[in-house]
């Protein structure tokens, strides 16, 4: 996975979901149903998970593993 496809904590939640709609499953797995919330348009992932008491490193790991899988499937 190239660095420009790596999800980081400073990225906007809505931008992540717009680029990779498949990430919704990860957000829901962590109980983040706030994707439709207006805050997702300006809140970073780090801010969002902090407000919900979610481990940033854990969700980043799961999101980036999913993105790597999606990108690998595109290359086949």
C-alpha atoms as a PDB file:
ATOM      1  CA  UNK A   1       0.000   0.000   0.000  1.00  0.00           C
ATOM      2  CA  UNK A   2       1.398   3.364  -0.922  1.00  0.00           C
ATOM      3  CA  UNK A   3       1.662   6.118   1.643  1.00  0.00           C
ATOM      4  CA  UNK A   4      -0.959   8.242  -0.108  1.00  0.00           C
ATOM      5  CA  UNK A   5      -3.519   5.498   0.605  1.00  0.00           C
ATOM      6  CA  UNK A   6      -2.655   5.184   4.285  1.00  0.00           C
ATOM      7  CA  UNK A   7      -5.359   6.405   6.639  1.00  0.00           C
ATOM      8  CA  UNK A   8      -4.027   8.571   9.462  1.00  0.00           C
ATOM      9  CA  UNK A   9      -5.601  10.068  12.560  1.00  0.00           C
ATOM     10  CA  UNK A  10      -5.523  13.584  11.154  1.00  0.00           C
ATOM     11  CA  UNK A  11      -7.689  12.669   8.182  1.00  0.00           C
ATOM     12  CA  UNK A  12     -11.277  13.849   8.003  1.00  0.00           C
ATOM     13  CA  UNK A  13     -13.812  11.089   8.715  1.00  0.00           C
ATOM     14  CA  UNK A  14     -16.079  12.027   5.820  1.00  0.00           C
ATOM     15  CA  UNK A  15     -13.110  12.104   3.410  1.00  0.00           C
ATOM     16  CA  UNK A  16     -12.119   8.582   4.463  1.00  0.00           C
ATOM     17  CA  UNK A  17     -15.624   7.240   3.862  1.00  0.00           C
ATOM     18  CA  UNK A  18     -15.968   9.126   0.573  1.00  0.00           C
ATOM     19  CA  UNK A  19     -12.753   7.650  -0.789  1.00  0.00           C
ATOM     20  CA  UNK A  20     -13.320   4.172   0.675  1.00  0.00           C
ATOM     21  CA  UNK A  21     -17.030   3.520   1.329  1.00  0.00           C
ATOM     22  CA  UNK A  22     -16.085  -0.008   2.427  1.00  0.00           C
ATOM     23  CA  UNK A  23     -14.630   1.494   5.604  1.00  0.00           C
ATOM     24  CA  UNK A  24     -18.158   2.011   6.913  1.00  0.00           C
ATOM     25  CA  UNK A  25     -18.080  -1.586   8.136  1.00  0.00           C
ATOM     26  CA  UNK A  26     -15.038  -0.817  10.306  1.00  0.00           C
ATOM     27  CA  UNK A  27     -16.590   2.358  11.679  1.00  0.00           C
ATOM     28  CA  UNK A  28     -19.770   0.471  12.576  1.00  0.00           C
ATOM     29  CA  UNK A  29     -17.739  -2.367  14.114  1.00  0.00           C
ATOM     30  CA  UNK A  30     -16.277   0.185  16.520  1.00  0.00           C
ATOM     31  CA  UNK A  31     -19.668   1.697  17.261  1.00  0.00           C
ATOM     32  CA  UNK A  32     -19.047   4.856  15.270  1.00  0.00           C
ATOM     33  CA  UNK A  33     -22.423   5.459  13.726  1.00  0.00           C
ATOM     34  CA  UNK A  34     -21.674   9.152  13.502  1.00  0.00           C
ATOM     35  CA  UNK A  35     -20.696   8.946   9.837  1.00  0.00           C
ATOM     36  CA  UNK A  36     -23.907  10.764   8.941  1.00  0.00           C
ATOM     37  CA  UNK A  37     -23.362  13.272  11.735  1.00  0.00           C
ATOM     38  CA  UNK A  38     -22.454  16.806  10.646  1.00  0.00           C
ATOM     39  CA  UNK A  39     -19.298  16.604  12.793  1.00  0.00           C
ATOM     40  CA  UNK A  40     -17.842  13.981  10.458  1.00  0.00           C
ATOM     41  CA  UNK A  41     -17.449  16.671   7.813  1.00  0.00           C
ATOM     42  CA  UNK A  42     -14.936  18.622   9.883  1.00  0.00           C
ATOM     43  CA  UNK A  43     -13.790  16.233  12.612  1.00  0.00           C
ATOM     44  CA  UNK A  44     -10.590  14.252  12.249  1.00  0.00           C
ATOM     45  CA  UNK A  45     -10.566  10.533  12.897  1.00  0.00           C
ATOM     46  CA  UNK A  46      -8.452  11.107  16.022  1.00  0.00           C
ATOM     47  CA  UNK A  47     -10.974  13.620  17.366  1.00  0.00           C
ATOM     48  CA  UNK A  48     -13.907  11.351  16.599  1.00  0.00           C
ATOM     49  CA  UNK A  49     -12.504   8.258  18.266  1.00  0.00           C
ATOM     50  CA  UNK A  50     -11.343  10.262  21.273  1.00  0.00           C
ATOM     51  CA  UNK A  51     -14.902  11.534  21.799  1.00  0.00           C
ATOM     52  CA  UNK A  52     -16.122   7.922  21.773  1.00  0.00           C
ATOM     53  CA  UNK A  53     -13.311   6.431  23.874  1.00  0.00           C
ATOM     54  CA  UNK A  54     -12.010   4.282  21.021  1.00  0.00           C
ATOM     55  CA  UNK A  55      -8.384   3.218  20.628  1.00  0.00           C
ATOM     56  CA  UNK A  56      -7.024   5.203  17.663  1.00  0.00           C
ATOM     57  CA  UNK A  57      -4.234   2.716  16.930  1.00  0.00           C
ATOM     58  CA  UNK A  58      -6.672  -0.208  16.820  1.00  0.00           C
ATOM     59  CA  UNK A  59      -9.102   1.425  14.397  1.00  0.00           C
ATOM     60  CA  UNK A  60      -6.247   2.718  12.223  1.00  0.00           C
ATOM     61  CA  UNK A  61      -4.854  -0.809  12.016  1.00  0.00           C
ATOM     62  CA  UNK A  62      -8.216  -2.229  10.943  1.00  0.00           C
ATOM     63  CA  UNK A  63      -8.929   0.583   8.482  1.00  0.00           C
ATOM     64  CA  UNK A  64      -5.506   0.325   6.848  1.00  0.00           C
ATOM     65  CA  UNK A  65      -5.688  -3.465   6.620  1.00  0.00           C
ATOM     66  CA  UNK A  66      -8.999  -3.088   4.796  1.00  0.00           C
ATOM     67  CA  UNK A  67      -7.569  -0.440   2.461  1.00  0.00           C
ATOM     68  CA  UNK A  68      -4.574  -2.652   1.679  1.00  0.00           C
ATOM     69  CA  UNK A  69      -6.949  -5.492   0.799  1.00  0.00           C
ATOM     70  CA  UNK A  70      -9.049  -3.227  -1.429  1.00  0.00           C
ATOM     71  CA  UNK A  71      -5.966  -1.873  -3.204  1.00  0.00           C
ATOM     72  CA  UNK A  72      -4.550  -5.382  -3.706  1.00  0.00           C
ATOM     73  CA  UNK A  73      -7.819  -6.535  -5.267  1.00  0.00           C
ATOM     74  CA  UNK A  74      -7.765  -3.550  -7.643  1.00  0.00           C
ATOM     75  CA  UNK A  75      -4.283  -4.534  -8.820  1.00  0.00           C
ATOM     76  CA  UNK A  76      -5.313  -8.073  -9.749  1.00  0.00           C
END
